Amino acid sequence: MQGIIMTTATDLYNNTSNNTTEELQRYQRTESVTQIGSWEWDINADTIWWSDTVYQFFDVNPADFNASYEHFLSFLTTESAESLDLQVQKIVADHQPYSHCIEVKKTGALLHSRGFVVADANNQPVKLFG
């Protein structure tokens, strides 16, 4: 399966509307139909959140995913993991939006990911979204 992992800036958690659940469901359906996934990595806690579509891209059951950066890298081919790790170091250092392609070890799927860094008040990177 080939797919795209892409971030769309939206704020589903601080929505003032009473339809937050409905909007979240709409967002999840849109990701499923378009085969676009999203993820978030909390750098300090080393925890990763994946949308349902990303789990499908990696052919992983959410219960089987130890949501850490190192565990995520284990799903990639060696070449992709090494390349991505170098790029992540650069992204964390320069805070620039990014775009890269990775290969899933289990399926051979090529996934394109784009995203950005979120920094705290001291300009230290705290999260990556993609």
C-alpha atoms as a PDB file:
ATOM      1  CA  MET A   1       0.000   0.000   0.000  1.00  0.00           C
ATOM      2  CA  GLN A   2       1.363   3.410  -0.888  1.00  0.00           C
ATOM      3  CA  GLY A   3       0.156   6.487   0.856  1.00  0.00           C
ATOM      4  CA  ILE A   4       0.888   9.957   2.014  1.00  0.00           C
ATOM      5  CA  ILE A   5       1.259  11.138   5.570  1.00  0.00           C
ATOM      6  CA  MET A   6       0.531  14.843   5.706  1.00  0.00           C
ATOM      7  CA  THR A   7      -0.304  17.367   8.358  1.00  0.00           C
ATOM      8  CA  THR A   8      -3.185  19.785   8.154  1.00  0.00           C
ATOM      9  CA  ALA A   9      -3.258  22.569  10.716  1.00  0.00           C
ATOM     10  CA  THR A  10      -6.510  22.302  12.607  1.00  0.00           C
ATOM     11  CA  ASP A  11      -7.483  22.627  16.226  1.00  0.00           C
ATOM     12  CA  LEU A  12      -9.912  19.888  17.138  1.00  0.00           C
ATOM     13  CA  TYR A  13      -9.097  19.961  20.844  1.00  0.00           C
ATOM     14  CA  ASN A  14      -9.881  23.601  21.623  1.00  0.00           C
ATOM     15  CA  ASN A  15     -12.943  23.903  19.445  1.00  0.00           C
ATOM     16  CA  THR A  16     -15.622  26.111  20.952  1.00  0.00           C
ATOM     17  CA  SER A  17     -18.306  24.385  18.912  1.00  0.00           C
ATOM     18  CA  ASN A  18     -20.602  21.809  20.483  1.00  0.00           C
ATOM     19  CA  ASN A  19     -19.922  19.578  17.501  1.00  0.00           C
ATOM     20  CA  THR A  20     -16.328  18.620  18.404  1.00  0.00           C
ATOM     21  CA  THR A  21     -17.062  14.873  18.326  1.00  0.00           C
ATOM     22  CA  GLU A  22     -18.796  15.183  14.983  1.00  0.00           C
ATOM     23  CA  GLU A  23     -15.914  17.261  13.597  1.00  0.00           C
ATOM     24  CA  LEU A  24     -13.347  14.737  14.834  1.00  0.00           C
ATOM     25  CA  GLN A  25     -15.304  11.929  13.161  1.00  0.00           C
ATOM     26  CA  ARG A  26     -15.466  13.965   9.952  1.00  0.00           C
ATOM     27  CA  TYR A  27     -11.698  14.505  10.110  1.00  0.00           C
ATOM     28  CA  GLN A  28     -11.089  10.771  10.656  1.00  0.00           C
ATOM     29  CA  ARG A  29     -13.340   9.854   7.709  1.00  0.00           C
ATOM     30  CA  THR A  30     -11.544  12.382   5.518  1.00  0.00           C
ATOM     31  CA  GLU A  31      -8.162  10.855   6.408  1.00  0.00           C
ATOM     32  CA  SER A  32      -9.488   7.390   5.624  1.00  0.00           C
ATOM     33  CA  VAL A  33     -11.008   8.345   2.278  1.00  0.00           C
ATOM     34  CA  THR A  34      -8.011  10.376   1.112  1.00  0.00           C
ATOM     35  CA  GLN A  35      -5.432   7.947   2.507  1.00  0.00           C
ATOM     36  CA  ILE A  36      -3.713  10.777   4.346  1.00  0.00           C
ATOM     37  CA  GLY A  37      -2.517  10.155   7.884  1.00  0.00           C
ATOM     38  CA  SER A  38      -1.224  12.336  10.673  1.00  0.00           C
ATOM     39  CA  TRP A  39       1.076  11.870  13.626  1.00  0.00           C
ATOM     40  CA  GLU A  40       2.624  13.760  16.501  1.00  0.00           C
ATOM     41  CA  TRP A  41       5.868  13.126  18.395  1.00  0.00           C
ATOM     42  CA  ASP A  42       6.321  14.634  21.868  1.00  0.00           C
ATOM     43  CA  ILE A  43      10.106  14.894  21.874  1.00  0.00           C
ATOM     44  CA  ASN A  44      10.638  15.230  25.646  1.00  0.00           C
ATOM     45  CA  ALA A  45       8.259  12.430  26.623  1.00  0.00           C
ATOM     46  CA  ASP A  46       9.311  10.366  23.565  1.00  0.00           C
ATOM     47  CA  THR A  47       5.726   9.419  22.847  1.00  0.00           C
ATOM     48  CA  ILE A  48       4.154   9.187  19.425  1.00  0.00           C
ATOM     49  CA  TRP A  49       0.493   9.497  18.486  1.00  0.00           C
ATOM     50  CA  TRP A  50      -0.678   8.080  15.134  1.00  0.00           C
ATOM     51  CA  SER A  51      -4.013   8.516  13.409  1.00  0.00           C
ATOM     52  CA  ASP A  52      -5.833   5.328  12.424  1.00  0.00           C
ATOM     53  CA  THR A  53      -4.680   5.737   8.827  1.00  0.00           C
ATOM     54  CA  VAL A  54      -1.004   5.760   9.836  1.00  0.00           C
ATOM     55  CA  TYR A  55      -1.495   2.460  11.667  1.00  0.00           C
ATOM     56  CA  GLN A  56      -2.914   1.100   8.410  1.00  0.00           C
ATOM     57  CA  PHE A  57       0.073   2.389   6.402  1.00  0.00           C
ATOM     58  CA  PHE A  58       2.435   0.491   8.699  1.00  0.00           C
ATOM     59  CA  ASP A  59       0.127  -2.539   8.974  1.00  0.00           C
ATOM     60  CA  VAL A  60       0.301  -2.309  12.763  1.00  0.00           C
ATOM     61  CA  ASN A  61      -2.303  -2.953  15.433  1.00  0.00           C
ATOM     62  CA  PRO A  62      -2.374   0.028  17.841  1.00  0.00           C
ATOM     63  CA  ALA A  63      -2.108  -2.372  20.793  1.00  0.00           C
ATOM     64  CA  ASP A  64       1.206  -3.658  19.376  1.00  0.00           C
ATOM     65  CA  PHE A  65       2.824  -0.240  18.964  1.00  0.00           C
ATOM     66  CA  ASN A  66       5.224   0.887  21.687  1.00  0.00           C
ATOM     67  CA  ALA A  67       4.773   4.542  20.797  1.00  0.00           C
ATOM     68  CA  SER A  68       8.399   5.703  20.952  1.00  0.00           C
ATOM     69  CA  TYR A  69      10.712   7.169  18.323  1.00  0.00           C
ATOM     70  CA  GLU A  70      13.083   4.169  18.374  1.00  0.00           C
ATOM     71  CA  HIS A  71      10.207   1.727  17.970  1.00  0.00           C
ATOM     72  CA  PHE A  72       8.878   3.768  15.058  1.00  0.00           C
ATOM     73  CA  LEU A  73      12.298   3.586  13.363  1.00  0.00           C
ATOM     74  CA  SER A  74      12.178  -0.225  13.633  1.00  0.00           C
ATOM     75  CA  PHE A  75       9.256  -0.217  11.149  1.00  0.00           C
ATOM     76  CA  LEU A  76      11.451   1.326   8.449  1.00  0.00           C
ATOM     77  CA  THR A  77      14.098  -0.180   6.214  1.00  0.00           C
ATOM     78  CA  THR A  78      17.610   0.378   7.560  1.00  0.00           C
ATOM     79  CA  GLU A  79      18.369   2.952   4.874  1.00  0.00           C
ATOM     80  CA  SER A  80      15.147   4.881   5.542  1.00  0.00           C
ATOM     81  CA  ALA A  81      15.635   4.788   9.329  1.00  0.00           C
ATOM     82  CA  GLU A  82      19.202   6.102   9.077  1.00  0.00           C
ATOM     83  CA  SER A  83      18.254   8.826   6.600  1.00  0.00           C
ATOM     84  CA  LEU A  84      15.207   9.878   8.616  1.00  0.00           C
ATOM     85  CA  ASP A  85      17.173   9.981  11.864  1.00  0.00           C
ATOM     86  CA  LEU A  86      19.719  12.359  10.305  1.00  0.00           C
ATOM     87  CA  GLN A  87      16.928  14.528   8.933  1.00  0.00           C
ATOM     88  CA  VAL A  88      15.135  14.620  12.302  1.00  0.00           C
ATOM     89  CA  GLN A  89      18.354  15.834  13.960  1.00  0.00           C
ATOM     90  CA  LYS A  90      18.529  18.635  11.361  1.00  0.00           C
ATOM     91  CA  ILE A  91      14.836  19.492  11.763  1.00  0.00           C
ATOM     92  CA  VAL A  92      15.158  19.729  15.553  1.00  0.00           C
ATOM     93  CA  ALA A  93      18.239  21.964  15.165  1.00  0.00           C
ATOM     94  CA  ASP A  94      16.940  24.361  12.496  1.00  0.00           C
ATOM     95  CA  HIS A  95      13.142  24.271  13.170  1.00  0.00           C
ATOM     96  CA  GLN A  96      12.370  24.319   9.449  1.00  0.00           C
ATOM     97  CA  PRO A  97       9.333  22.600   7.890  1.00  0.00           C
ATOM     98  CA  TYR A  98      10.310  19.330   6.301  1.00  0.00           C
ATOM     99  CA  SER A  99       9.452  16.815   3.645  1.00  0.00           C
ATOM    100  CA  HIS A 100      10.846  13.310   3.295  1.00  0.00           C
ATOM    101  CA  CYS A 101      10.082   9.862   1.905  1.00  0.00           C
ATOM    102  CA  ILE A 102      10.396   6.667   3.961  1.00  0.00           C
ATOM    103  CA  GLU A 103      10.100   2.981   3.098  1.00  0.00           C
ATOM    104  CA  VAL A 104       8.100   0.669   5.364  1.00  0.00           C
ATOM    105  CA  LYS A 105      10.066  -2.517   6.050  1.00  0.00           C
ATOM    106  CA  LYS A 106       7.053  -4.849   6.354  1.00  0.00           C
ATOM    107  CA  THR A 107       5.171  -3.800   3.199  1.00  0.00           C
ATOM    108  CA  GLY A 108       7.730  -1.990   1.045  1.00  0.00           C
ATOM    109  CA  ALA A 109       5.350   0.979   0.865  1.00  0.00           C
ATOM    110  CA  LEU A 110       6.867   4.378   0.223  1.00  0.00           C
ATOM    111  CA  LEU A 111       5.345   7.108   2.380  1.00  0.00           C
ATOM    112  CA  HIS A 112       5.823  10.821   1.885  1.00  0.00           C
ATOM    113  CA  SER A 113       5.695  12.912   5.035  1.00  0.00           C
ATOM    114  CA  ARG A 114       5.592  16.659   5.531  1.00  0.00           C
ATOM    115  CA  GLY A 115       5.358  18.574   8.741  1.00  0.00           C
ATOM    116  CA  PHE A 116       6.825  21.051  11.156  1.00  0.00           C
ATOM    117  CA  VAL A 117       8.435  21.619  14.552  1.00  0.00           C
ATOM    118  CA  VAL A 118       6.672  23.224  17.509  1.00  0.00           C
ATOM    119  CA  ALA A 119       8.941  25.084  19.925  1.00  0.00           C
ATOM    120  CA  ASP A 120       8.327  26.255  23.470  1.00  0.00           C
ATOM    121  CA  ALA A 121       8.684  29.810  24.802  1.00  0.00           C
ATOM    122  CA  ASN A 122      12.479  29.354  24.930  1.00  0.00           C
ATOM    123  CA  ASN A 123      12.536  28.297  21.247  1.00  0.00           C
ATOM    124  CA  GLN A 124      13.345  24.710  22.211  1.00  0.00           C
ATOM    125  CA  PRO A 125      11.680  22.058  20.017  1.00  0.00           C
ATOM    126  CA  VAL A 126       9.034  20.133  21.925  1.00  0.00           C
ATOM    127  CA  LYS A 127       6.983  18.406  19.215  1.00  0.00           C
ATOM    128  CA  LEU A 128       7.058  17.354  15.619  1.00  0.00           C
ATOM    129  CA  PHE A 129       3.828  17.066  13.643  1.00  0.00           C
ATOM    130  CA  GLY A 130       3.466  15.329  10.327  1.00  0.00           C
END
